[in-house]
Amino acid sequence: MLARRTLALGRAAAQPIPLAAPSGARNMATLRELELRLKSVRNIEKITKSMKMIASTKLAKAQRAMNAGKQYGSANLEIFENSAAEETPKRQLYLVVSSDKGLCGGIHSSVTKATRRAFKEGEAEADTPIMVIGDKSKAQLSRALGNNLVLSFNQIGRDIPTFADAAAVADLITKSGVKYDVVNIVYNKFVSAISYEPATYRVLNEEGLKEAPGFKAYEMEDDVTKDLAEFSLANAIFSALVEGHACEQSSRRNAMDNASKNAGGMIDSLTLQYNRGRQAAITNELVDIITGASAL
């Protein structure tokens, strides 16, 4: 028993005796934290401003590519308008166009919500297959419509999408073995430099073109119709890719602009708080000095 008490007293004696903190220690620690936070927010503001400038430069290039790519989509639209199918296609395939990159607002969520809305409102059957371009929308759709996902593409259009990218996607869709009468391409439509909206582009397959009234009026070989269907699908995908890319760059520029403004507001607020704390600490030190001088 005596040994246990001696050991306990020895442990207590070995512990350091807590010293009283100086009067201004709390203010000093708070000012140091504010200073570190100010430095961090200023660095974030520099990054967001740089990303905004880069996105602005890329947006100009993306708009030029979009204006050129829209000509492909206009030619396709004229073909399918003049060869409308007699009845509503039964087997549908949804192709959702997004990208692999983030930091661009809710642009990926818009096409995801449009696809989910189509399934919810009955425009698509419960077992309608879905293919996705881009990892962002794939991750979102896998949570709600994971059983419908049959194929996904990534690393498409890392810079400006090309027709080769669209042709590769169209070729994989054709060779995937998925049966469809029409492909519904869900993409972001470029409205202006500050706005966009989800849109759907419909592309008929080979059989749909053969049965269309506009094509029945002409005698065409099977190979010609097949090539036309594949080429039309590649054209539509290319038009959707370049327009979606322009929307992404526009949304990223706006997102970085908003982030820079928010960082500037935080810097002003933290600077005001830091100056008030610094002034209070200096006032406390002066009071201590004057009180000590008066006591002497």
C-alpha atoms as a PDB file:
ATOM      1  CA  MET A   1       0.000   0.000   0.000  1.00  0.00           C
ATOM      2  CA  LEU A   2       2.838   2.401   0.879  1.00  0.00           C
ATOM      3  CA  ALA A   3       4.580   1.627  -2.405  1.00  0.00           C
ATOM      4  CA  ARG A   4       1.430   2.431  -4.407  1.00  0.00           C
ATOM      5  CA  ARG A   5       1.007   5.780  -2.640  1.00  0.00           C
ATOM      6  CA  THR A   6       4.653   6.647  -3.209  1.00  0.00           C
ATOM      7  CA  LEU A   7       4.331   5.813  -6.922  1.00  0.00           C
ATOM      8  CA  ALA A   8       1.207   7.965  -7.248  1.00  0.00           C
ATOM      9  CA  LEU A   9       2.883  10.902  -5.535  1.00  0.00           C
ATOM     10  CA  GLY A  10       5.912  10.510  -7.789  1.00  0.00           C
ATOM     11  CA  ARG A  11       3.721  10.637 -10.922  1.00  0.00           C
ATOM     12  CA  ALA A  12       1.928  13.714  -9.652  1.00  0.00           C
ATOM     13  CA  ALA A  13       5.225  15.419  -8.900  1.00  0.00           C
ATOM     14  CA  ALA A  14       6.560  14.576 -12.368  1.00  0.00           C
ATOM     15  CA  GLN A  15       3.687  16.397 -14.125  1.00  0.00           C
ATOM     16  CA  PRO A  16       4.455  20.062 -14.980  1.00  0.00           C
ATOM     17  CA  ILE A  17       2.590  22.681 -13.041  1.00  0.00           C
ATOM     18  CA  PRO A  18       0.318  24.672 -15.426  1.00  0.00           C
ATOM     19  CA  LEU A  19       1.369  28.280 -15.730  1.00  0.00           C
ATOM     20  CA  ALA A  20      -1.092  31.133 -16.027  1.00  0.00           C
ATOM     21  CA  ALA A  21      -1.455  32.377 -19.605  1.00  0.00           C
ATOM     22  CA  PRO A  22      -0.565  36.005 -20.268  1.00  0.00           C
ATOM     23  CA  SER A  23      -3.422  38.456 -20.469  1.00  0.00           C
ATOM     24  CA  GLY A  24      -3.127  39.008 -24.238  1.00  0.00           C
ATOM     25  CA  ALA A  25      -2.462  35.379 -25.220  1.00  0.00           C
ATOM     26  CA  ARG A  26      -5.996  34.755 -26.462  1.00  0.00           C
ATOM     27  CA  ASN A  27      -6.019  37.853 -28.639  1.00  0.00           C
ATOM     28  CA  MET A  28      -2.613  36.959 -30.046  1.00  0.00           C
ATOM     29  CA  ALA A  29      -3.751  33.450 -30.954  1.00  0.00           C
ATOM     30  CA  THR A  30      -6.904  34.809 -32.582  1.00  0.00           C
ATOM     31  CA  LEU A  31      -4.955  37.345 -34.607  1.00  0.00           C
ATOM     32  CA  ARG A  32      -2.563  34.647 -35.745  1.00  0.00           C
ATOM     33  CA  GLU A  33      -5.450  32.454 -36.889  1.00  0.00           C
ATOM     34  CA  LEU A  34      -7.024  35.368 -38.737  1.00  0.00           C
ATOM     35  CA  GLU A  35      -3.724  36.165 -40.418  1.00  0.00           C
ATOM     36  CA  LEU A  36      -3.343  32.569 -41.627  1.00  0.00           C
ATOM     37  CA  ARG A  37      -6.923  32.491 -42.866  1.00  0.00           C
ATOM     38  CA  LEU A  38      -6.477  35.769 -44.713  1.00  0.00           C
ATOM     39  CA  LYS A  39      -3.400  34.388 -46.428  1.00  0.00           C
ATOM     40  CA  SER A  40      -5.277  31.235 -47.415  1.00  0.00           C
ATOM     41  CA  VAL A  41      -8.253  33.144 -48.845  1.00  0.00           C
ATOM     42  CA  ARG A  42      -5.950  35.483 -50.789  1.00  0.00           C
ATOM     43  CA  ASN A  43      -4.241  32.460 -52.361  1.00  0.00           C
ATOM     44  CA  ILE A  44      -7.633  31.012 -53.289  1.00  0.00           C
ATOM     45  CA  GLU A  45      -8.613  34.333 -54.881  1.00  0.00           C
ATOM     46  CA  LYS A  46      -5.454  34.321 -57.000  1.00  0.00           C
ATOM     47  CA  ILE A  47      -6.196  30.763 -58.177  1.00  0.00           C
ATOM     48  CA  THR A  48      -9.827  31.480 -59.054  1.00  0.00           C
ATOM     49  CA  LYS A  49      -8.898  34.644 -60.953  1.00  0.00           C
ATOM     50  CA  SER A  50      -6.298  32.708 -62.941  1.00  0.00           C
ATOM     51  CA  MET A  51      -8.804  29.953 -63.713  1.00  0.00           C
ATOM     52  CA  LYS A  52     -11.325  32.577 -64.829  1.00  0.00           C
ATOM     53  CA  MET A  53      -8.816  34.062 -67.275  1.00  0.00           C
ATOM     54  CA  ILE A  54      -7.967  30.614 -68.641  1.00  0.00           C
ATOM     55  CA  ALA A  55     -11.653  29.733 -69.008  1.00  0.00           C
ATOM     56  CA  SER A  56     -12.306  33.025 -70.815  1.00  0.00           C
ATOM     57  CA  THR A  57      -9.562  32.227 -73.324  1.00  0.00           C
ATOM     58  CA  LYS A  58     -10.857  28.696 -73.835  1.00  0.00           C
ATOM     59  CA  LEU A  59     -14.426  29.960 -74.196  1.00  0.00           C
ATOM     60  CA  ALA A  60     -13.504  32.044 -77.236  1.00  0.00           C
ATOM     61  CA  LYS A  61     -11.958  28.980 -78.913  1.00  0.00           C
ATOM     62  CA  ALA A  62     -14.893  26.800 -77.886  1.00  0.00           C
ATOM     63  CA  GLN A  63     -17.406  29.250 -79.386  1.00  0.00           C
ATOM     64  CA  ARG A  64     -15.564  29.239 -82.716  1.00  0.00           C
ATOM     65  CA  ALA A  65     -15.557  25.428 -82.725  1.00  0.00           C
ATOM     66  CA  MET A  66     -19.243  25.398 -81.735  1.00  0.00           C
ATOM     67  CA  ASN A  67     -20.234  27.696 -84.615  1.00  0.00           C
ATOM     68  CA  ALA A  68     -18.433  25.406 -87.046  1.00  0.00           C
ATOM     69  CA  GLY A  69     -19.859  22.247 -85.469  1.00  0.00           C
ATOM     70  CA  LYS A  70     -23.418  23.543 -85.518  1.00  0.00           C
ATOM     71  CA  GLN A  71     -23.359  23.320 -89.311  1.00  0.00           C
ATOM     72  CA  TYR A  72     -23.150  19.537 -88.965  1.00  0.00           C
ATOM     73  CA  GLY A  73     -26.138  19.558 -86.645  1.00  0.00           C
ATOM     74  CA  SER A  74     -28.141  21.810 -88.977  1.00  0.00           C
ATOM     75  CA  ALA A  75     -27.557  19.440 -91.903  1.00  0.00           C
ATOM     76  CA  ASN A  76     -28.675  16.497 -89.762  1.00  0.00           C
ATOM     77  CA  LEU A  77     -31.747  18.345 -88.553  1.00  0.00           C
ATOM     78  CA  GLU A  78     -32.837  19.034 -92.121  1.00  0.00           C
ATOM     79  CA  ILE A  79     -32.448  15.347 -93.005  1.00  0.00           C
ATOM     80  CA  PHE A  80     -34.571  14.093 -90.132  1.00  0.00           C
ATOM     81  CA  GLU A  81     -37.198  16.815 -90.538  1.00  0.00           C
ATOM     82  CA  ASN A  82     -37.763  15.781 -94.150  1.00  0.00           C
ATOM     83  CA  SER A  83     -37.787  12.073 -93.279  1.00  0.00           C
ATOM     84  CA  ALA A  84     -40.003  11.956 -90.218  1.00  0.00           C
ATOM     85  CA  ALA A  85     -41.005   8.476 -89.102  1.00  0.00           C
ATOM     86  CA  GLU A  86     -44.633   7.439 -89.515  1.00  0.00           C
ATOM     87  CA  GLU A  87     -44.948   6.161 -85.945  1.00  0.00           C
ATOM     88  CA  THR A  88     -43.266   6.738 -82.613  1.00  0.00           C
ATOM     89  CA  PRO A  89     -40.124   4.591 -82.237  1.00  0.00           C
ATOM     90  CA  LYS A  90     -40.510   1.866 -79.630  1.00  0.00           C
ATOM     91  CA  ARG A  91     -36.904   1.112 -78.687  1.00  0.00           C
ATOM     92  CA  GLN A  92     -35.051   4.180 -77.454  1.00  0.00           C
ATOM     93  CA  LEU A  93     -31.455   4.758 -76.424  1.00  0.00           C
ATOM     94  CA  TYR A  94     -30.391   7.740 -74.317  1.00  0.00           C
ATOM     95  CA  LEU A  95     -26.926   9.222 -74.834  1.00  0.00           C
ATOM     96  CA  VAL A  96     -26.045  11.773 -72.128  1.00  0.00           C
ATOM     97  CA  VAL A  97     -23.262  14.203 -73.056  1.00  0.00           C
ATOM     98  CA  SER A  98     -21.143  15.632 -70.209  1.00  0.00           C
ATOM     99  CA  SER A  99     -17.403  15.670 -69.410  1.00  0.00           C
ATOM    100  CA  ASP A 100     -14.813  14.444 -66.914  1.00  0.00           C
ATOM    101  CA  LYS A 101     -13.979  17.851 -65.418  1.00  0.00           C
ATOM    102  CA  GLY A 102     -15.563  19.726 -62.538  1.00  0.00           C
ATOM    103  CA  LEU A 103     -15.445  23.257 -61.086  1.00  0.00           C
ATOM    104  CA  CYS A 104     -18.052  24.399 -63.601  1.00  0.00           C
ATOM    105  CA  GLY A 105     -21.224  24.857 -61.576  1.00  0.00           C
ATOM    106  CA  GLY A 106     -24.241  22.632 -62.110  1.00  0.00           C
ATOM    107  CA  ILE A 107     -23.801  22.060 -65.820  1.00  0.00           C
ATOM    108  CA  HIS A 108     -23.479  18.287 -65.427  1.00  0.00           C
ATOM    109  CA  SER A 109     -26.487  18.138 -63.136  1.00  0.00           C
ATOM    110  CA  SER A 110     -28.690  19.776 -65.792  1.00  0.00           C
ATOM    111  CA  VAL A 111     -28.382  16.919 -68.306  1.00  0.00           C
ATOM    112  CA  THR A 112     -28.676  14.381 -65.482  1.00  0.00           C
ATOM    113  CA  LYS A 113     -31.908  15.957 -64.253  1.00  0.00           C
ATOM    114  CA  ALA A 114     -33.272  16.094 -67.809  1.00  0.00           C
ATOM    115  CA  THR A 115     -32.604  12.373 -68.248  1.00  0.00           C
ATOM    116  CA  ARG A 116     -34.175  11.478 -64.923  1.00  0.00           C
ATOM    117  CA  ARG A 117     -37.171  13.672 -65.764  1.00  0.00           C
ATOM    118  CA  ALA A 118     -37.668  11.775 -69.043  1.00  0.00           C
ATOM    119  CA  PHE A 119     -37.834   8.473 -67.143  1.00  0.00           C
ATOM    120  CA  LYS A 120     -40.060   9.909 -64.438  1.00  0.00           C
ATOM    121  CA  GLU A 121     -42.581  11.447 -66.835  1.00  0.00           C
ATOM    122  CA  GLY A 122     -42.864   8.307 -68.950  1.00  0.00           C
ATOM    123  CA  GLU A 123     -41.030   9.557 -72.026  1.00  0.00           C
ATOM    124  CA  ALA A 124     -38.668   6.580 -71.634  1.00  0.00           C
ATOM    125  CA  GLU A 125     -39.439   3.019 -70.585  1.00  0.00           C
ATOM    126  CA  ALA A 126     -38.111   1.691 -67.292  1.00  0.00           C
ATOM    127  CA  ASP A 127     -35.649  -0.618 -69.109  1.00  0.00           C
ATOM    128  CA  THR A 128     -34.438   1.958 -71.673  1.00  0.00           C
ATOM    129  CA  PRO A 129     -30.636   1.727 -71.963  1.00  0.00           C
ATOM    130  CA  ILE A 130     -28.458   4.740 -71.177  1.00  0.00           C
ATOM    131  CA  MET A 131     -24.961   5.576 -72.426  1.00  0.00           C
ATOM    132  CA  VAL A 132     -22.957   8.404 -70.887  1.00  0.00           C
ATOM    133  CA  ILE A 133     -20.084  10.536 -72.187  1.00  0.00           C
ATOM    134  CA  GLY A 134     -18.107  11.847 -69.208  1.00  0.00           C
ATOM    135  CA  ASP A 135     -17.511  10.609 -65.680  1.00  0.00           C
ATOM    136  CA  LYS A 136     -19.440  13.401 -63.955  1.00  0.00           C
ATOM    137  CA  SER A 137     -22.902  12.496 -65.230  1.00  0.00           C
ATOM    138  CA  LYS A 138     -22.045   8.819 -65.009  1.00  0.00           C
ATOM    139  CA  ALA A 139     -21.492   9.130 -61.250  1.00  0.00           C
ATOM    140  CA  GLN A 140     -24.784  11.009 -60.861  1.00  0.00           C
ATOM    141  CA  LEU A 141     -26.873   8.649 -62.998  1.00  0.00           C
ATOM    142  CA  SER A 142     -25.379   5.514 -61.451  1.00  0.00           C
ATOM    143  CA  ARG A 143     -27.102   6.395 -58.174  1.00  0.00           C
ATOM    144  CA  ALA A 144     -30.595   6.811 -59.665  1.00  0.00           C
ATOM    145  CA  LEU A 145     -30.550   4.764 -62.899  1.00  0.00           C
ATOM    146  CA  GLY A 146     -27.608   2.442 -62.355  1.00  0.00           C
ATOM    147  CA  ASN A 147     -29.396  -0.577 -63.846  1.00  0.00           C
ATOM    148  CA  ASN A 148     -29.942   1.271 -67.146  1.00  0.00           C
ATOM    149  CA  LEU A 149     -26.293   2.191 -67.723  1.00  0.00           C
ATOM    150  CA  VAL A 150     -24.852  -0.059 -70.436  1.00  0.00           C
ATOM    151  CA  LEU A 151     -21.834   1.904 -71.707  1.00  0.00           C
ATOM    152  CA  SER A 152     -19.799   4.946 -70.713  1.00  0.00           C
ATOM    153  CA  PHE A 153     -17.055   6.978 -72.362  1.00  0.00           C
ATOM    154  CA  ASN A 154     -14.365   9.128 -70.776  1.00  0.00           C
ATOM    155  CA  GLN A 155     -11.377  11.155 -71.923  1.00  0.00           C
ATOM    156  CA  ILE A 156     -13.576  12.523 -74.728  1.00  0.00           C
ATOM    157  CA  GLY A 157     -12.993  16.144 -75.670  1.00  0.00           C
ATOM    158  CA  ARG A 158     -10.357  16.961 -73.055  1.00  0.00           C
ATOM    159  CA  ASP A 159      -9.623  20.126 -75.031  1.00  0.00           C
ATOM    160  CA  ILE A 160     -11.930  20.904 -77.968  1.00  0.00           C
ATOM    161  CA  PRO A 161     -13.934  17.898 -79.225  1.00  0.00           C
ATOM    162  CA  THR A 162     -13.118  16.730 -82.720  1.00  0.00           C
ATOM    163  CA  PHE A 163     -15.109  14.801 -85.288  1.00  0.00           C
ATOM    164  CA  ALA A 164     -12.779  11.852 -84.701  1.00  0.00           C
ATOM    165  CA  ASP A 165     -13.978  11.698 -81.082  1.00  0.00           C
ATOM    166  CA  ALA A 166     -17.601  11.727 -82.188  1.00  0.00           C
ATOM    167  CA  ALA A 167     -16.969   9.101 -84.871  1.00  0.00           C
ATOM    168  CA  ALA A 168     -15.293   6.826 -82.309  1.00  0.00           C
ATOM    169  CA  VAL A 169     -18.279   7.132 -79.960  1.00  0.00           C
ATOM    170  CA  ALA A 170     -20.739   6.480 -82.817  1.00  0.00           C
ATOM    171  CA  ASP A 171     -18.760   3.428 -83.898  1.00  0.00           C
ATOM    172  CA  LEU A 172     -18.775   1.962 -80.375  1.00  0.00           C
ATOM    173  CA  ILE A 173     -22.513   2.584 -80.052  1.00  0.00           C
ATOM    174  CA  THR A 174     -23.149   0.801 -83.347  1.00  0.00           C
ATOM    175  CA  LYS A 175     -20.975  -2.168 -82.366  1.00  0.00           C
ATOM    176  CA  SER A 176     -22.262  -2.390 -78.768  1.00  0.00           C
ATOM    177  CA  GLY A 177     -25.107  -4.713 -79.699  1.00  0.00           C
ATOM    178  CA  VAL A 178     -27.748  -2.522 -78.033  1.00  0.00           C
ATOM    179  CA  LYS A 179     -30.983  -2.570 -80.040  1.00  0.00           C
ATOM    180  CA  TYR A 180     -32.621   0.801 -80.630  1.00  0.00           C
ATOM    181  CA  ASP A 181     -34.858   2.587 -83.117  1.00  0.00           C
ATOM    182  CA  VAL A 182     -33.842   6.104 -82.136  1.00  0.00           C
ATOM    183  CA  VAL A 183     -31.003   7.703 -80.167  1.00  0.00           C
ATOM    184  CA  ASN A 184     -31.976  10.569 -77.850  1.00  0.00           C
ATOM    185  CA  ILE A 185     -28.875  12.714 -77.329  1.00  0.00           C
ATOM    186  CA  VAL A 186     -29.235  14.773 -74.132  1.00  0.00           C
ATOM    187  CA  TYR A 187     -26.808  17.714 -74.090  1.00  0.00           C
ATOM    188  CA  ASN A 188     -26.467  21.323 -72.932  1.00  0.00           C
ATOM    189  CA  LYS A 189     -27.663  23.851 -75.485  1.00  0.00           C
ATOM    190  CA  PHE A 190     -25.688  27.085 -75.641  1.00  0.00           C
ATOM    191  CA  VAL A 191     -28.049  30.054 -75.173  1.00  0.00           C
ATOM    192  CA  SER A 192     -25.603  32.836 -74.334  1.00  0.00           C
ATOM    193  CA  ALA A 193     -22.291  33.369 -72.573  1.00  0.00           C
ATOM    194  CA  ILE A 194     -24.068  33.303 -69.209  1.00  0.00           C
ATOM    195  CA  SER A 195     -26.871  30.780 -69.750  1.00  0.00           C
ATOM    196  CA  TYR A 196     -27.530  27.308 -71.121  1.00  0.00           C
ATOM    197  CA  GLU A 197     -30.351  24.782 -71.073  1.00  0.00           C
ATOM    198  CA  PRO A 198     -30.662  21.008 -71.503  1.00  0.00           C
ATOM    199  CA  ALA A 199     -31.926  19.838 -74.888  1.00  0.00           C
ATOM    200  CA  THR A 200     -32.612  16.538 -76.640  1.00  0.00           C
ATOM    201  CA  TYR A 201     -31.624  15.651 -80.194  1.00  0.00           C
ATOM    202  CA  ARG A 202     -33.237  12.588 -81.838  1.00  0.00           C
ATOM    203  CA  VAL A 203     -31.408  10.478 -84.418  1.00  0.00           C
ATOM    204  CA  LEU A 204     -33.065   7.586 -86.299  1.00  0.00           C
ATOM    205  CA  ASN A 205     -31.242   4.324 -86.952  1.00  0.00           C
ATOM    206  CA  GLU A 206     -30.895   2.566 -90.306  1.00  0.00           C
ATOM    207  CA  GLU A 207     -34.292   0.869 -90.168  1.00  0.00           C
ATOM    208  CA  GLY A 208     -35.999   4.093 -89.177  1.00  0.00           C
ATOM    209  CA  LEU A 209     -34.525   5.896 -92.175  1.00  0.00           C
ATOM    210  CA  LYS A 210     -35.601   3.101 -94.526  1.00  0.00           C
ATOM    211  CA  GLU A 211     -39.192   3.284 -93.307  1.00  0.00           C
ATOM    212  CA  ALA A 212     -39.327   7.081 -93.351  1.00  0.00           C
ATOM    213  CA  PRO A 213     -41.659   8.521 -96.022  1.00  0.00           C
ATOM    214  CA  GLY A 214     -38.985  10.872 -97.305  1.00  0.00           C
ATOM    215  CA  PHE A 215     -36.648   7.957 -98.080  1.00  0.00           C
ATOM    216  CA  LYS A 216     -39.256   5.607 -99.501  1.00  0.00           C
ATOM    217  CA  ALA A 217     -39.751   7.987-102.388  1.00  0.00           C
ATOM    218  CA  TYR A 218     -36.228   7.223-103.618  1.00  0.00           C
ATOM    219  CA  GLU A 219     -34.516   3.995-104.515  1.00  0.00           C
ATOM    220  CA  MET A 220     -31.418   3.708-102.335  1.00  0.00           C
ATOM    221  CA  GLU A 221     -29.061   0.832-101.754  1.00  0.00           C
ATOM    222  CA  ASP A 222     -28.804  -0.688 -98.284  1.00  0.00           C
ATOM    223  CA  ASP A 223     -25.154   0.263 -97.890  1.00  0.00           C
ATOM    224  CA  VAL A 224     -25.943   3.904 -98.625  1.00  0.00           C
ATOM    225  CA  THR A 225     -28.676   4.036 -95.974  1.00  0.00           C
ATOM    226  CA  LYS A 226     -26.446   2.300 -93.424  1.00  0.00           C
ATOM    227  CA  ASP A 227     -23.566   4.701 -94.059  1.00  0.00           C
ATOM    228  CA  LEU A 228     -25.918   7.666 -93.886  1.00  0.00           C
ATOM    229  CA  ALA A 229     -27.339   6.513 -90.539  1.00  0.00           C
ATOM    230  CA  GLU A 230     -23.864   6.057 -89.031  1.00  0.00           C
ATOM    231  CA  PHE A 231     -22.624   9.366 -90.445  1.00  0.00           C
ATOM    232  CA  SER A 232     -25.724  11.192 -89.177  1.00  0.00           C
ATOM    233  CA  LEU A 233     -25.201   9.771 -85.682  1.00  0.00           C
ATOM    234  CA  ALA A 234     -21.549  10.891 -85.687  1.00  0.00           C
ATOM    235  CA  ASN A 235     -22.582  14.366 -86.902  1.00  0.00           C
ATOM    236  CA  ALA A 236     -25.202  14.711 -84.170  1.00  0.00           C
ATOM    237  CA  ILE A 237     -22.774  13.577 -81.459  1.00  0.00           C
ATOM    238  CA  PHE A 238     -20.125  15.997 -82.720  1.00  0.00           C
ATOM    239  CA  SER A 239     -22.581  18.903 -82.701  1.00  0.00           C
ATOM    240  CA  ALA A 240     -23.670  18.031 -79.142  1.00  0.00           C
ATOM    241  CA  LEU A 241     -20.055  17.666 -77.954  1.00  0.00           C
ATOM    242  CA  VAL A 242     -18.846  21.054 -79.229  1.00  0.00           C
ATOM    243  CA  GLU A 243     -21.952  22.842 -77.937  1.00  0.00           C
ATOM    244  CA  GLY A 244     -21.678  21.137 -74.553  1.00  0.00           C
ATOM    245  CA  HIS A 245     -17.985  22.036 -74.392  1.00  0.00           C
ATOM    246  CA  ALA A 246     -18.775  25.710 -75.004  1.00  0.00           C
ATOM    247  CA  CYS A 247     -21.423  25.604 -72.259  1.00  0.00           C
ATOM    248  CA  GLU A 248     -18.908  23.998 -69.887  1.00  0.00           C
ATOM    249  CA  GLN A 249     -16.278  26.686 -70.453  1.00  0.00           C
ATOM    250  CA  SER A 250     -18.892  29.416 -70.035  1.00  0.00           C
ATOM    251  CA  SER A 251     -20.161  27.872 -66.809  1.00  0.00           C
ATOM    252  CA  ARG A 252     -16.606  27.433 -65.483  1.00  0.00           C
ATOM    253  CA  ARG A 253     -15.788  31.075 -66.174  1.00  0.00           C
ATOM    254  CA  ASN A 254     -18.923  32.210 -64.370  1.00  0.00           C
ATOM    255  CA  ALA A 255     -18.237  29.851 -61.462  1.00  0.00           C
ATOM    256  CA  MET A 256     -14.671  31.137 -61.065  1.00  0.00           C
ATOM    257  CA  ASP A 257     -15.907  34.731 -61.311  1.00  0.00           C
ATOM    258  CA  ASN A 258     -18.408  34.113 -58.502  1.00  0.00           C
ATOM    259  CA  ALA A 259     -15.737  32.356 -56.445  1.00  0.00           C
ATOM    260  CA  SER A 260     -13.376  35.322 -56.859  1.00  0.00           C
ATOM    261  CA  LYS A 261     -16.102  37.739 -55.755  1.00  0.00           C
ATOM    262  CA  ASN A 262     -16.905  35.588 -52.733  1.00  0.00           C
ATOM    263  CA  ALA A 263     -13.210  35.409 -51.825  1.00  0.00           C
ATOM    264  CA  GLY A 264     -12.954  39.196 -52.107  1.00  0.00           C
ATOM    265  CA  GLY A 265     -15.901  39.592 -49.730  1.00  0.00           C
ATOM    266  CA  MET A 266     -14.324  37.181 -47.255  1.00  0.00           C
ATOM    267  CA  ILE A 267     -11.023  39.082 -47.450  1.00  0.00           C
ATOM    268  CA  ASP A 268     -12.746  42.384 -46.639  1.00  0.00           C
ATOM    269  CA  SER A 269     -14.608  40.830 -43.702  1.00  0.00           C
ATOM    270  CA  LEU A 270     -11.521  39.078 -42.315  1.00  0.00           C
ATOM    271  CA  THR A 271      -9.379  42.213 -42.748  1.00  0.00           C
ATOM    272  CA  LEU A 272     -11.897  44.276 -40.772  1.00  0.00           C
ATOM    273  CA  GLN A 273     -12.028  41.609 -38.066  1.00  0.00           C
ATOM    274  CA  TYR A 274      -8.222  41.384 -37.976  1.00  0.00           C
ATOM    275  CA  ASN A 275      -7.811  45.172 -37.657  1.00  0.00           C
ATOM    276  CA  ARG A 276     -10.354  45.321 -34.829  1.00  0.00           C
ATOM    277  CA  GLY A 277      -8.610  42.527 -32.959  1.00  0.00           C
ATOM    278  CA  ARG A 278      -5.204  44.113 -33.478  1.00  0.00           C
ATOM    279  CA  GLN A 279      -6.485  47.476 -32.263  1.00  0.00           C
ATOM    280  CA  ALA A 280      -8.023  45.818 -29.176  1.00  0.00           C
ATOM    281  CA  ALA A 281      -4.751  44.023 -28.382  1.00  0.00           C
ATOM    282  CA  ILE A 282      -2.768  47.282 -28.686  1.00  0.00           C
ATOM    283  CA  THR A 283      -5.299  49.072 -26.461  1.00  0.00           C
ATOM    284  CA  ASN A 284      -4.999  46.357 -23.799  1.00  0.00           C
ATOM    285  CA  GLU A 285      -1.213  46.618 -23.830  1.00  0.00           C
ATOM    286  CA  LEU A 286      -1.380  50.409 -23.454  1.00  0.00           C
ATOM    287  CA  VAL A 287      -3.811  50.061 -20.546  1.00  0.00           C
ATOM    288  CA  ASP A 288      -1.406  47.632 -18.845  1.00  0.00           C
ATOM    289  CA  ILE A 289       1.526  50.031 -19.341  1.00  0.00           C
ATOM    290  CA  ILE A 290      -0.392  53.047 -18.057  1.00  0.00           C
ATOM    291  CA  THR A 291      -1.707  51.093 -15.076  1.00  0.00           C
ATOM    292  CA  GLY A 292       1.802  49.925 -14.183  1.00  0.00           C
ATOM    293  CA  ALA A 293       3.205  53.449 -14.496  1.00  0.00           C
ATOM    294  CA  SER A 294       0.420  54.803 -12.290  1.00  0.00           C
ATOM    295  CA  ALA A 295       1.113  52.176  -9.652  1.00  0.00           C
ATOM    296  CA  LEU A 296       4.766  53.177  -9.523  1.00  0.00           C
END
